[in-house]
mmCIF file of all heavy atoms, coordinates in Angstrom:
data_MODEL
# 
_entry.id   MODEL 
# 
loop_
_atom_site.group_PDB 
_atom_site.id 
_atom_site.type_symbol 
_atom_site.label_atom_id 
_atom_site.label_alt_id 
_atom_site.label_comp_id 
_atom_site.label_asym_id 
_atom_site.label_entity_id 
_atom_site.label_seq_id 
_atom_site.pdbx_PDB_ins_code 
_atom_site.Cartn_x 
_atom_site.Cartn_y 
_atom_site.Cartn_z 
_atom_site.occupancy 
_atom_site.B_iso_or_equiv 
_atom_site.pdbx_formal_charge 
_atom_site.auth_seq_id 
_atom_site.auth_comp_id 
_atom_site.auth_asym_id 
_atom_site.auth_atom_id 
_atom_site.pdbx_PDB_model_num 
ATOM 1   N N   . ASP A 1 1  ? -1.414 0.625  -12.386 1.00 0.00 ? 1  ASP A N   1 
ATOM 2   C CA  . ASP A 1 1  ? -2.171 1.872  -12.298 1.00 0.00 ? 1  ASP A CA  1 
ATOM 3   C C   . ASP A 1 1  ? -2.657 2.068  -10.862 1.00 0.00 ? 1  ASP A C   1 
ATOM 4   O O   . ASP A 1 1  ? -2.378 1.240  -9.986  1.00 0.00 ? 1  ASP A O   1 
ATOM 5   C CB  . ASP A 1 1  ? -3.350 1.852  -13.281 1.00 0.00 ? 1  ASP A CB  1 
ATOM 6   C CG  . ASP A 1 1  ? -4.206 0.593  -13.167 1.00 0.00 ? 1  ASP A CG  1 
ATOM 7   O OD1 . ASP A 1 1  ? -4.281 -0.007 -12.060 1.00 0.00 ? 1  ASP A OD1 1 
ATOM 8   O OD2 . ASP A 1 1  ? -4.797 0.188  -14.172 1.00 0.00 ? 1  ASP A OD2 1 
ATOM 9   N N   . LEU A 1 2  ? -3.388 3.160  -10.636 1.00 0.00 ? 2  LEU A N   1 
ATOM 10  C CA  . LEU A 1 2  ? -3.868 3.466  -9.289  1.00 0.00 ? 2  LEU A CA  1 
ATOM 11  C C   . LEU A 1 2  ? -4.788 2.384  -8.728  1.00 0.00 ? 2  LEU A C   1 
ATOM 12  O O   . LEU A 1 2  ? -4.591 1.955  -7.579  1.00 0.00 ? 2  LEU A O   1 
ATOM 13  C CB  . LEU A 1 2  ? -4.565 4.837  -9.267  1.00 0.00 ? 2  LEU A CB  1 
ATOM 14  C CG  . LEU A 1 2  ? -5.143 5.271  -7.921  1.00 0.00 ? 2  LEU A CG  1 
ATOM 15  C CD1 . LEU A 1 2  ? -4.074 5.320  -6.831  1.00 0.00 ? 2  LEU A CD1 1 
ATOM 16  C CD2 . LEU A 1 2  ? -5.826 6.625  -8.053  1.00 0.00 ? 2  LEU A CD2 1 
ATOM 17  N N   . PRO A 1 3  ? -5.781 1.884  -9.471  1.00 0.00 ? 3  PRO A N   1 
ATOM 18  C CA  . PRO A 1 3  ? -6.615 0.809  -8.902  1.00 0.00 ? 3  PRO A CA  1 
ATOM 19  C C   . PRO A 1 3  ? -5.792 -0.436 -8.525  1.00 0.00 ? 3  PRO A C   1 
ATOM 20  O O   . PRO A 1 3  ? -6.063 -1.071 -7.507  1.00 0.00 ? 3  PRO A O   1 
ATOM 21  C CB  . PRO A 1 3  ? -7.621 0.500  -10.024 1.00 0.00 ? 3  PRO A CB  1 
ATOM 22  C CG  . PRO A 1 3  ? -7.693 1.762  -10.823 1.00 0.00 ? 3  PRO A CG  1 
ATOM 23  C CD  . PRO A 1 3  ? -6.306 2.344  -10.764 1.00 0.00 ? 3  PRO A CD  1 
ATOM 24  N N   . SER A 1 4  ? -4.782 -0.756 -9.338  1.00 0.00 ? 4  SER A N   1 
ATOM 25  C CA  . SER A 1 4  ? -3.913 -1.910 -9.012  1.00 0.00 ? 4  SER A CA  1 
ATOM 26  C C   . SER A 1 4  ? -3.146 -1.655 -7.722  1.00 0.00 ? 4  SER A C   1 
ATOM 27  O O   . SER A 1 4  ? -2.984 -2.549 -6.895  1.00 0.00 ? 4  SER A O   1 
ATOM 28  C CB  . SER A 1 4  ? -2.910 -2.168 -10.136 1.00 0.00 ? 4  SER A CB  1 
ATOM 29  O OG  . SER A 1 4  ? -3.558 -2.482 -11.319 1.00 0.00 ? 4  SER A OG  1 
ATOM 30  N N   . TYR A 1 5  ? -2.658 -0.422 -7.562  1.00 0.00 ? 5  TYR A N   1 
ATOM 31  C CA  . TYR A 1 5  ? -1.936 -0.094 -6.335  1.00 0.00 ? 5  TYR A CA  1 
ATOM 32  C C   . TYR A 1 5  ? -2.856 -0.161 -5.125  1.00 0.00 ? 5  TYR A C   1 
ATOM 33  O O   . TYR A 1 5  ? -2.479 -0.685 -4.078  1.00 0.00 ? 5  TYR A O   1 
ATOM 34  C CB  . TYR A 1 5  ? -1.275 1.285  -6.404  1.00 0.00 ? 5  TYR A CB  1 
ATOM 35  C CG  . TYR A 1 5  ? -0.613 1.626  -5.094  1.00 0.00 ? 5  TYR A CG  1 
ATOM 36  C CD1 . TYR A 1 5  ? 0.541  0.943  -4.697  1.00 0.00 ? 5  TYR A CD1 1 
ATOM 37  C CD2 . TYR A 1 5  ? -1.164 2.542  -4.209  1.00 0.00 ? 5  TYR A CD2 1 
ATOM 38  C CE1 . TYR A 1 5  ? 1.136  1.190  -3.474  1.00 0.00 ? 5  TYR A CE1 1 
ATOM 39  C CE2 . TYR A 1 5  ? -0.575 2.797  -2.984  1.00 0.00 ? 5  TYR A CE2 1 
ATOM 40  C CZ  . TYR A 1 5  ? 0.566  2.118  -2.621  1.00 0.00 ? 5  TYR A CZ  1 
ATOM 41  O OH  . TYR A 1 5  ? 1.142  2.349  -1.403  1.00 0.00 ? 5  TYR A OH  1 
ATOM 42  N N   . GLN A 1 6  ? -4.076 0.334  -5.273  1.00 0.00 ? 6  GLN A N   1 
ATOM 43  C CA  . GLN A 1 6  ? -5.014 0.284  -4.155  1.00 0.00 ? 6  GLN A CA  1 
ATOM 44  C C   . GLN A 1 6  ? -5.283 -1.155 -3.731  1.00 0.00 ? 6  GLN A C   1 
ATOM 45  O O   . GLN A 1 6  ? -5.271 -1.475 -2.541  1.00 0.00 ? 6  GLN A O   1 
ATOM 46  C CB  . GLN A 1 6  ? -6.330 0.970  -4.523  1.00 0.00 ? 6  GLN A CB  1 
ATOM 47  C CG  . GLN A 1 6  ? -7.302 1.002  -3.351  1.00 0.00 ? 6  GLN A CG  1 
ATOM 48  C CD  . GLN A 1 6  ? -8.573 1.764  -3.677  1.00 0.00 ? 6  GLN A CD  1 
ATOM 49  O OE1 . GLN A 1 6  ? -8.697 2.398  -4.722  1.00 0.00 ? 6  GLN A OE1 1 
ATOM 50  N NE2 . GLN A 1 6  ? -9.523 1.698  -2.780  1.00 0.00 ? 6  GLN A NE2 1 
ATOM 51  N N   . ARG A 1 7  ? -5.467 -2.057 -4.698  1.00 0.00 ? 7  ARG A N   1 
ATOM 52  C CA  . ARG A 1 7  ? -5.663 -3.478 -4.372  1.00 0.00 ? 7  ARG A CA  1 
ATOM 53  C C   . ARG A 1 7  ? -4.416 -4.049 -3.687  1.00 0.00 ? 7  ARG A C   1 
ATOM 54  O O   . ARG A 1 7  ? -4.514 -4.786 -2.706  1.00 0.00 ? 7  ARG A O   1 
ATOM 55  C CB  . ARG A 1 7  ? -5.996 -4.279 -5.635  1.00 0.00 ? 7  ARG A CB  1 
ATOM 56  C CG  . ARG A 1 7  ? -7.401 -4.062 -6.133  1.00 0.00 ? 7  ARG A CG  1 
ATOM 57  C CD  . ARG A 1 7  ? -7.783 -5.040 -7.244  1.00 0.00 ? 7  ARG A CD  1 
ATOM 58  N NE  . ARG A 1 7  ? -6.924 -4.941 -8.426  1.00 0.00 ? 7  ARG A NE  1 
ATOM 59  C CZ  . ARG A 1 7  ? -7.088 -4.048 -9.392  1.00 0.00 ? 7  ARG A CZ  1 
ATOM 60  N NH1 . ARG A 1 7  ? -8.073 -3.185 -9.353  1.00 0.00 ? 7  ARG A NH1 1 
ATOM 61  N NH2 . ARG A 1 7  ? -6.271 -4.048 -10.433 1.00 0.00 ? 7  ARG A NH2 1 
ATOM 62  N N   . PHE A 1 8  ? -3.236 -3.707 -4.205  1.00 0.00 ? 8  PHE A N   1 
ATOM 63  C CA  . PHE A 1 8  ? -1.972 -4.164 -3.629  1.00 0.00 ? 8  PHE A CA  1 
ATOM 64  C C   . PHE A 1 8  ? -1.827 -3.656 -2.191  1.00 0.00 ? 8  PHE A C   1 
ATOM 65  O O   . PHE A 1 8  ? -1.450 -4.401 -1.294  1.00 0.00 ? 8  PHE A O   1 
ATOM 66  C CB  . PHE A 1 8  ? -0.810 -3.686 -4.503  1.00 0.00 ? 8  PHE A CB  1 
ATOM 67  C CG  . PHE A 1 8  ? 0.550  -4.054 -3.991  1.00 0.00 ? 8  PHE A CG  1 
ATOM 68  C CD1 . PHE A 1 8  ? 1.007  -5.353 -4.078  1.00 0.00 ? 8  PHE A CD1 1 
ATOM 69  C CD2 . PHE A 1 8  ? 1.363  -3.093 -3.423  1.00 0.00 ? 8  PHE A CD2 1 
ATOM 70  C CE1 . PHE A 1 8  ? 2.270  -5.697 -3.599  1.00 0.00 ? 8  PHE A CE1 1 
ATOM 71  C CE2 . PHE A 1 8  ? 2.616  -3.417 -2.948  1.00 0.00 ? 8  PHE A CE2 1 
ATOM 72  C CZ  . PHE A 1 8  ? 3.073  -4.725 -3.033  1.00 0.00 ? 8  PHE A CZ  1 
ATOM 73  N N   . TYR A 1 9  ? -2.130 -2.392 -1.989  1.00 0.00 ? 9  TYR A N   1 
ATOM 74  C CA  . TYR A 1 9  ? -2.055 -1.781 -0.658  1.00 0.00 ? 9  TYR A CA  1 
ATOM 75  C C   . TYR A 1 9  ? -2.967 -2.527 0.319   1.00 0.00 ? 9  TYR A C   1 
ATOM 76  O O   . TYR A 1 9  ? -2.551 -2.891 1.415   1.00 0.00 ? 9  TYR A O   1 
ATOM 77  C CB  . TYR A 1 9  ? -2.467 -0.307 -0.755  1.00 0.00 ? 9  TYR A CB  1 
ATOM 78  C CG  . TYR A 1 9  ? -2.383 0.457  0.545   1.00 0.00 ? 9  TYR A CG  1 
ATOM 79  C CD1 . TYR A 1 9  ? -1.238 1.152  0.874   1.00 0.00 ? 9  TYR A CD1 1 
ATOM 80  C CD2 . TYR A 1 9  ? -3.452 0.487  1.430   1.00 0.00 ? 9  TYR A CD2 1 
ATOM 81  C CE1 . TYR A 1 9  ? -1.142 1.864  2.066   1.00 0.00 ? 9  TYR A CE1 1 
ATOM 82  C CE2 . TYR A 1 9  ? -3.372 1.186  2.626   1.00 0.00 ? 9  TYR A CE2 1 
ATOM 83  C CZ  . TYR A 1 9  ? -2.218 1.871  2.940   1.00 0.00 ? 9  TYR A CZ  1 
ATOM 84  O OH  . TYR A 1 9  ? -2.129 2.563  4.119   1.00 0.00 ? 9  TYR A OH  1 
ATOM 85  N N   . GLU A 1 10 ? -4.208 -2.752 -0.091  1.00 0.00 ? 10 GLU A N   1 
ATOM 86  C CA  . GLU A 1 10 ? -5.202 -3.375 0.793   1.00 0.00 ? 10 GLU A CA  1 
ATOM 87  C C   . GLU A 1 10 ? -4.991 -4.872 1.000   1.00 0.00 ? 10 GLU A C   1 
ATOM 88  O O   . GLU A 1 10 ? -5.331 -5.401 2.049   1.00 0.00 ? 10 GLU A O   1 
ATOM 89  C CB  . GLU A 1 10 ? -6.611 -3.118 0.252   1.00 0.00 ? 10 GLU A CB  1 
ATOM 90  C CG  . GLU A 1 10 ? -6.988 -1.647 0.299   1.00 0.00 ? 10 GLU A CG  1 
ATOM 91  C CD  . GLU A 1 10 ? -8.279 -1.324 -0.432  1.00 0.00 ? 10 GLU A CD  1 
ATOM 92  O OE1 . GLU A 1 10 ? -8.797 -2.192 -1.180  1.00 0.00 ? 10 GLU A OE1 1 
ATOM 93  O OE2 . GLU A 1 10 ? -8.759 -0.179 -0.284  1.00 0.00 ? 10 GLU A OE2 1 
ATOM 94  N N   . SER A 1 11 ? -4.421 -5.541 0.016   1.00 0.00 ? 11 SER A N   1 
ATOM 95  C CA  . SER A 1 11 ? -4.261 -6.994 0.147   1.00 0.00 ? 11 SER A CA  1 
ATOM 96  C C   . SER A 1 11 ? -2.873 -7.423 0.607   1.00 0.00 ? 11 SER A C   1 
ATOM 97  O O   . SER A 1 11 ? -2.706 -8.528 1.127   1.00 0.00 ? 11 SER A O   1 
ATOM 98  C CB  . SER A 1 11 ? -4.595 -7.689 -1.174  1.00 0.00 ? 11 SER A CB  1 
ATOM 99  O OG  . SER A 1 11 ? -3.666 -7.326 -2.171  1.00 0.00 ? 11 SER A OG  1 
ATOM 100 N N   . VAL A 1 12 ? -1.865 -6.548 0.435   1.00 0.00 ? 12 VAL A N   1 
ATOM 101 C CA  . VAL A 1 12 ? -0.491 -6.944 0.758   1.00 0.00 ? 12 VAL A CA  1 
ATOM 102 C C   . VAL A 1 12 ? 0.156  -6.015 1.786   1.00 0.00 ? 12 VAL A C   1 
ATOM 103 O O   . VAL A 1 12 ? 0.556  -6.460 2.869   1.00 0.00 ? 12 VAL A O   1 
ATOM 104 C CB  . VAL A 1 12 ? 0.391  -6.999 -0.519  1.00 0.00 ? 12 VAL A CB  1 
ATOM 105 C CG1 . VAL A 1 12 ? 1.835  -7.333 -0.175  1.00 0.00 ? 12 VAL A CG1 1 
ATOM 106 C CG2 . VAL A 1 12 ? -0.170 -8.008 -1.510  1.00 0.00 ? 12 VAL A CG2 1 
ATOM 107 N N   . LEU A 1 13 ? 0.275  -4.740 1.444   1.00 0.00 ? 13 LEU A N   1 
ATOM 108 C CA  . LEU A 1 13 ? 1.066  -3.836 2.282   1.00 0.00 ? 13 LEU A CA  1 
ATOM 109 C C   . LEU A 1 13 ? 0.569  -3.724 3.719   1.00 0.00 ? 13 LEU A C   1 
ATOM 110 O O   . LEU A 1 13 ? 1.363  -3.790 4.658   1.00 0.00 ? 13 LEU A O   1 
ATOM 111 C CB  . LEU A 1 13 ? 1.135  -2.443 1.644   1.00 0.00 ? 13 LEU A CB  1 
ATOM 112 C CG  . LEU A 1 13 ? 1.957  -2.334 0.368   1.00 0.00 ? 13 LEU A CG  1 
ATOM 113 C CD1 . LEU A 1 13 ? 1.898  -0.910 -0.182  1.00 0.00 ? 13 LEU A CD1 1 
ATOM 114 C CD2 . LEU A 1 13 ? 3.394  -2.765 0.588   1.00 0.00 ? 13 LEU A CD2 1 
ATOM 115 N N   . ILE A 1 14 ? -0.733 -3.553 3.903   1.00 0.00 ? 14 ILE A N   1 
ATOM 116 C CA  . ILE A 1 14 ? -1.231 -3.374 5.275   1.00 0.00 ? 14 ILE A CA  1 
ATOM 117 C C   . ILE A 1 14 ? -1.114 -4.644 6.114   1.00 0.00 ? 14 ILE A C   1 
ATOM 118 O O   . ILE A 1 14 ? -1.231 -4.580 7.331   1.00 0.00 ? 14 ILE A O   1 
ATOM 119 C CB  . ILE A 1 14 ? -2.679 -2.829 5.307   1.00 0.00 ? 14 ILE A CB  1 
ATOM 120 C CG1 . ILE A 1 14 ? -3.639 -3.831 4.674   1.00 0.00 ? 14 ILE A CG1 1 
ATOM 121 C CG2 . ILE A 1 14 ? -2.754 -1.466 4.651   1.00 0.00 ? 14 ILE A CG2 1 
ATOM 122 C CD1 . ILE A 1 14 ? -5.103 -3.430 4.844   1.00 0.00 ? 14 ILE A CD1 1 
ATOM 123 N N   . HIS A 1 15 ? -0.837 -5.753 5.462   1.00 0.00 ? 15 HIS A N   1 
ATOM 124 C CA  . HIS A 1 15 ? -0.703 -7.029 6.185   1.00 0.00 ? 15 HIS A CA  1 
ATOM 125 C C   . HIS A 1 15 ? 0.755  -7.433 6.436   1.00 0.00 ? 15 HIS A C   1 
ATOM 126 O O   . HIS A 1 15 ? 1.020  -8.506 6.967   1.00 0.00 ? 15 HIS A O   1 
ATOM 127 C CB  . HIS A 1 15 ? -1.425 -8.141 5.427   1.00 0.00 ? 15 HIS A CB  1 
ATOM 128 C CG  . HIS A 1 15 ? -2.884 -7.884 5.279   1.00 0.00 ? 15 HIS A CG  1 
ATOM 129 N ND1 . HIS A 1 15 ? -3.764 -7.940 6.342   1.00 0.00 ? 15 HIS A ND1 1 
ATOM 130 C CD2 . HIS A 1 15 ? -3.618 -7.513 4.199   1.00 0.00 ? 15 HIS A CD2 1 
ATOM 131 C CE1 . HIS A 1 15 ? -4.982 -7.645 5.920   1.00 0.00 ? 15 HIS A CE1 1 
ATOM 132 N NE2 . HIS A 1 15 ? -4.914 -7.374 4.630   1.00 0.00 ? 15 HIS A NE2 1 
ATOM 133 N N   . LEU A 1 16 ? 1.704  -6.573 6.059   1.00 0.00 ? 16 LEU A N   1 
ATOM 134 C CA  . LEU A 1 16 ? 3.110  -6.880 6.327   1.00 0.00 ? 16 LEU A CA  1 
ATOM 135 C C   . LEU A 1 16 ? 3.342  -6.972 7.838   1.00 0.00 ? 16 LEU A C   1 
ATOM 136 O O   . LEU A 1 16 ? 2.742  -6.205 8.605   1.00 0.00 ? 16 LEU A O   1 
ATOM 137 C CB  . LEU A 1 16 ? 4.018  -5.806 5.716   1.00 0.00 ? 16 LEU A CB  1 
ATOM 138 C CG  . LEU A 1 16 ? 4.144  -5.829 4.201   1.00 0.00 ? 16 LEU A CG  1 
ATOM 139 C CD1 . LEU A 1 16 ? 4.819  -4.569 3.696   1.00 0.00 ? 16 LEU A CD1 1 
ATOM 140 C CD2 . LEU A 1 16 ? 4.901  -7.060 3.745   1.00 0.00 ? 16 LEU A CD2 1 
ATOM 141 N N   . PRO A 1 17 ? 4.191  -7.882 8.261   1.00 0.00 ? 17 PRO A N   1 
ATOM 142 C CA  . PRO A 1 17 ? 4.406  -8.069 9.699   1.00 0.00 ? 17 PRO A CA  1 
ATOM 143 C C   . PRO A 1 17 ? 5.015  -6.845 10.375  1.00 0.00 ? 17 PRO A C   1 
ATOM 144 O O   . PRO A 1 17 ? 5.980  -6.272 9.879   1.00 0.00 ? 17 PRO A O   1 
ATOM 145 C CB  . PRO A 1 17 ? 5.363  -9.262 9.765   1.00 0.00 ? 17 PRO A CB  1 
ATOM 146 C CG  . PRO A 1 17 ? 5.996  -9.352 8.422   1.00 0.00 ? 17 PRO A CG  1 
ATOM 147 C CD  . PRO A 1 17 ? 5.019  -8.770 7.449   1.00 0.00 ? 17 PRO A CD  1 
ATOM 148 N N   . GLY A 1 18 ? 4.417  -6.446 11.480  1.00 0.00 ? 18 GLY A N   1 
ATOM 149 C CA  . GLY A 1 18 ? 4.973  -5.381 12.295  1.00 0.00 ? 18 GLY A CA  1 
ATOM 150 C C   . GLY A 1 18 ? 4.694  -3.972 11.815  1.00 0.00 ? 18 GLY A C   1 
ATOM 151 O O   . GLY A 1 18 ? 5.224  -3.009 12.374  1.00 0.00 ? 18 GLY A O   1 
ATOM 152 N N   . VAL A 1 19 ? 3.837  -3.791 10.815  1.00 0.00 ? 19 VAL A N   1 
ATOM 153 C CA  . VAL A 1 19 ? 3.564  -2.449 10.298  1.00 0.00 ? 19 VAL A CA  1 
ATOM 154 C C   . VAL A 1 19 ? 2.659  -1.679 11.258  1.00 0.00 ? 19 VAL A C   1 
ATOM 155 O O   . VAL A 1 19 ? 1.611  -2.151 11.655  1.00 0.00 ? 19 VAL A O   1 
ATOM 156 C CB  . VAL A 1 19 ? 2.905  -2.507 8.906   1.00 0.00 ? 19 VAL A CB  1 
ATOM 157 C CG1 . VAL A 1 19 ? 2.368  -1.147 8.491   1.00 0.00 ? 19 VAL A CG1 1 
ATOM 158 C CG2 . VAL A 1 19 ? 3.894  -2.981 7.881   1.00 0.00 ? 19 VAL A CG2 1 
ATOM 159 N N   . ARG A 1 20 ? 3.110  -0.474 11.603  1.00 0.00 ? 20 ARG A N   1 
ATOM 160 C CA  . ARG A 1 20 ? 2.271  0.432  12.400  1.00 0.00 ? 20 ARG A CA  1 
ATOM 161 C C   . ARG A 1 20 ? 1.570  1.434  11.488  1.00 0.00 ? 20 ARG A C   1 
ATOM 162 O O   . ARG A 1 20 ? 0.401  1.733  11.658  1.00 0.00 ? 20 ARG A O   1 
ATOM 163 C CB  . ARG A 1 20 ? 3.095  1.176  13.438  1.00 0.00 ? 20 ARG A CB  1 
ATOM 164 C CG  . ARG A 1 20 ? 2.218  2.109  14.293  1.00 0.00 ? 20 ARG A CG  1 
ATOM 165 C CD  . ARG A 1 20 ? 2.988  2.824  15.352  1.00 0.00 ? 20 ARG A CD  1 
ATOM 166 N NE  . ARG A 1 20 ? 3.710  3.935  14.711  1.00 0.00 ? 20 ARG A NE  1 
ATOM 167 C CZ  . ARG A 1 20 ? 4.743  4.549  15.244  1.00 0.00 ? 20 ARG A CZ  1 
ATOM 168 N NH1 . ARG A 1 20 ? 5.229  4.151  16.400  1.00 0.00 ? 20 ARG A NH1 1 
ATOM 169 N NH2 . ARG A 1 20 ? 5.334  5.531  14.616  1.00 0.00 ? 20 ARG A NH2 1 
ATOM 170 N N   . SER A 1 21 ? 2.333  1.971  10.511  1.00 0.00 ? 21 SER A N   1 
ATOM 171 C CA  . SER A 1 21 ? 1.720  2.938  9.598   1.00 0.00 ? 21 SER A CA  1 
ATOM 172 C C   . SER A 1 21 ? 2.422  2.911  8.248   1.00 0.00 ? 21 SER A C   1 
ATOM 173 O O   . SER A 1 21 ? 3.591  2.548  8.145   1.00 0.00 ? 21 SER A O   1 
ATOM 174 C CB  . SER A 1 21 ? 1.758  4.346  10.190  1.00 0.00 ? 21 SER A CB  1 
ATOM 175 O OG  . SER A 1 21 ? 3.090  4.810  10.279  1.00 0.00 ? 21 SER A OG  1 
ATOM 176 N N   . LEU A 1 22 ? 1.661  3.314  7.223   1.00 0.00 ? 22 LEU A N   1 
ATOM 177 C CA  . LEU A 1 22 ? 2.167  3.424  5.864   1.00 0.00 ? 22 LEU A CA  1 
ATOM 178 C C   . LEU A 1 22 ? 1.750  4.774  5.310   1.00 0.00 ? 22 LEU A C   1 
ATOM 179 O O   . LEU A 1 22 ? 0.636  5.242  5.559   1.00 0.00 ? 22 LEU A O   1 
ATOM 180 C CB  . LEU A 1 22 ? 1.572  2.326  4.969   1.00 0.00 ? 22 LEU A CB  1 
ATOM 181 C CG  . LEU A 1 22 ? 1.889  0.886  5.351   1.00 0.00 ? 22 LEU A CG  1 
ATOM 182 C CD1 . LEU A 1 22 ? 0.995  -0.070 4.570   1.00 0.00 ? 22 LEU A CD1 1 
ATOM 183 C CD2 . LEU A 1 22 ? 3.350  0.578  5.087   1.00 0.00 ? 22 LEU A CD2 1 
ATOM 184 N N   . ASN A 1 23 ? 2.649  5.401  4.548   1.00 0.00 ? 23 ASN A N   1 
ATOM 185 C CA  . ASN A 1 23 ? 2.353  6.665  3.894   1.00 0.00 ? 23 ASN A CA  1 
ATOM 186 C C   . ASN A 1 23 ? 2.810  6.524  2.451   1.00 0.00 ? 23 ASN A C   1 
ATOM 187 O O   . ASN A 1 23 ? 3.988  6.287  2.195   1.00 0.00 ? 23 ASN A O   1 
ATOM 188 C CB  . ASN A 1 23 ? 3.085  7.805  4.603   1.00 0.00 ? 23 ASN A CB  1 
ATOM 189 C CG  . ASN A 1 23 ? 2.727  9.162  4.052   1.00 0.00 ? 23 ASN A CG  1 
ATOM 190 O OD1 . ASN A 1 23 ? 2.407  9.305  2.883   1.00 0.00 ? 23 ASN A OD1 1 
ATOM 191 N ND2 . ASN A 1 23 ? 2.821  10.153 4.906   1.00 0.00 ? 23 ASN A ND2 1 
ATOM 192 N N   . SER A 1 24 ? 1.874  6.673  1.516   1.00 0.00 ? 24 SER A N   1 
ATOM 193 C CA  . SER A 1 24 ? 2.174  6.489  0.097   1.00 0.00 ? 24 SER A CA  1 
ATOM 194 C C   . SER A 1 24 ? 2.330  7.823  -0.610  1.00 0.00 ? 24 SER A C   1 
ATOM 195 O O   . SER A 1 24 ? 1.499  8.720  -0.448  1.00 0.00 ? 24 SER A O   1 
ATOM 196 C CB  . SER A 1 24 ? 1.044  5.711  -0.584  1.00 0.00 ? 24 SER A CB  1 
ATOM 197 O OG  . SER A 1 24 ? 0.868  4.453  0.025   1.00 0.00 ? 24 SER A OG  1 
ATOM 198 N N   . THR A 1 25 ? 3.382  7.943  -1.409  1.00 0.00 ? 25 THR A N   1 
ATOM 199 C CA  . THR A 1 25 ? 3.617  9.123  -2.231  1.00 0.00 ? 25 THR A CA  1 
ATOM 200 C C   . THR A 1 25 ? 3.737  8.663  -3.674  1.00 0.00 ? 25 THR A C   1 
ATOM 201 O O   . THR A 1 25 ? 4.605  7.854  -4.007  1.00 0.00 ? 25 THR A O   1 
ATOM 202 C CB  . THR A 1 25 ? 4.912  9.840  -1.788  1.00 0.00 ? 25 THR A CB  1 
ATOM 203 O OG1 . THR A 1 25 ? 4.781  10.224 -0.417  1.00 0.00 ? 25 THR A OG1 1 
ATOM 204 C CG2 . THR A 1 25 ? 5.187  11.057 -2.644  1.00 0.00 ? 25 THR A CG2 1 
ATOM 205 N N   . ILE A 1 26 ? 2.862  9.176  -4.532  1.00 0.00 ? 26 ILE A N   1 
ATOM 206 C CA  . ILE A 1 26 ? 2.851  8.776  -5.940  1.00 0.00 ? 26 ILE A CA  1 
ATOM 207 C C   . ILE A 1 26 ? 3.942  9.540  -6.686  1.00 0.00 ? 26 ILE A C   1 
ATOM 208 O O   . ILE A 1 26 ? 4.052  10.763 -6.566  1.00 0.00 ? 26 ILE A O   1 
ATOM 209 C CB  . ILE A 1 26 ? 1.480  9.039  -6.573  1.00 0.00 ? 26 ILE A CB  1 
ATOM 210 C CG1 . ILE A 1 26 ? 0.415  8.197  -5.852  1.00 0.00 ? 26 ILE A CG1 1 
ATOM 211 C CG2 . ILE A 1 26 ? 1.492  8.736  -8.071  1.00 0.00 ? 26 ILE A CG2 1 
ATOM 212 C CD1 . ILE A 1 26 ? -1.002 8.562  -6.230  1.00 0.00 ? 26 ILE A CD1 1 
ATOM 213 N N   . VAL A 1 27 ? 4.734  8.807  -7.449  1.00 0.00 ? 27 VAL A N   1 
ATOM 214 C CA  . VAL A 1 27 ? 5.813  9.412  -8.238  1.00 0.00 ? 27 VAL A CA  1 
ATOM 215 C C   . VAL A 1 27 ? 5.212  10.054 -9.482  1.00 0.00 ? 27 VAL A C   1 
ATOM 216 O O   . VAL A 1 27 ? 4.478  9.408  -10.233 1.00 0.00 ? 27 VAL A O   1 
ATOM 217 C CB  . VAL A 1 27 ? 6.872  8.354  -8.629  1.00 0.00 ? 27 VAL A CB  1 
ATOM 218 C CG1 . VAL A 1 27 ? 7.907  8.943  -9.579  1.00 0.00 ? 27 VAL A CG1 1 
ATOM 219 C CG2 . VAL A 1 27 ? 7.527  7.787  -7.384  1.00 0.00 ? 27 VAL A CG2 1 
ATOM 220 N N   . MET A 1 28 ? 5.524  11.337 -9.697  1.00 0.00 ? 28 MET A N   1 
ATOM 221 C CA  . MET A 1 28 ? 5.011  12.070 -10.854 1.00 0.00 ? 28 MET A CA  1 
ATOM 222 C C   . MET A 1 28 ? 5.752  11.661 -12.125 1.00 0.00 ? 28 MET A C   1 
ATOM 223 O O   . MET A 1 28 ? 5.148  11.386 -13.157 1.00 0.00 ? 28 MET A O   1 
ATOM 224 C CB  . MET A 1 28 ? 5.179  13.570 -10.622 1.00 0.00 ? 28 MET A CB  1 
ATOM 225 C CG  . MET A 1 28 ? 4.574  14.414 -11.704 1.00 0.00 ? 28 MET A CG  1 
ATOM 226 S SD  . MET A 1 28 ? 4.826  16.208 -11.574 1.00 0.00 ? 28 MET A SD  1 
ATOM 227 C CE  . MET A 1 28 ? 5.092  16.534 -9.879  1.00 0.00 ? 28 MET A CE  1 
# 
């Protein structure tokens, strides 16, 4: 769900090596 994704984003995605920016689009 959305809260799970937010935790995943904050704990995993933003810490990926070499990331400058991320843009998330939720699938309808």
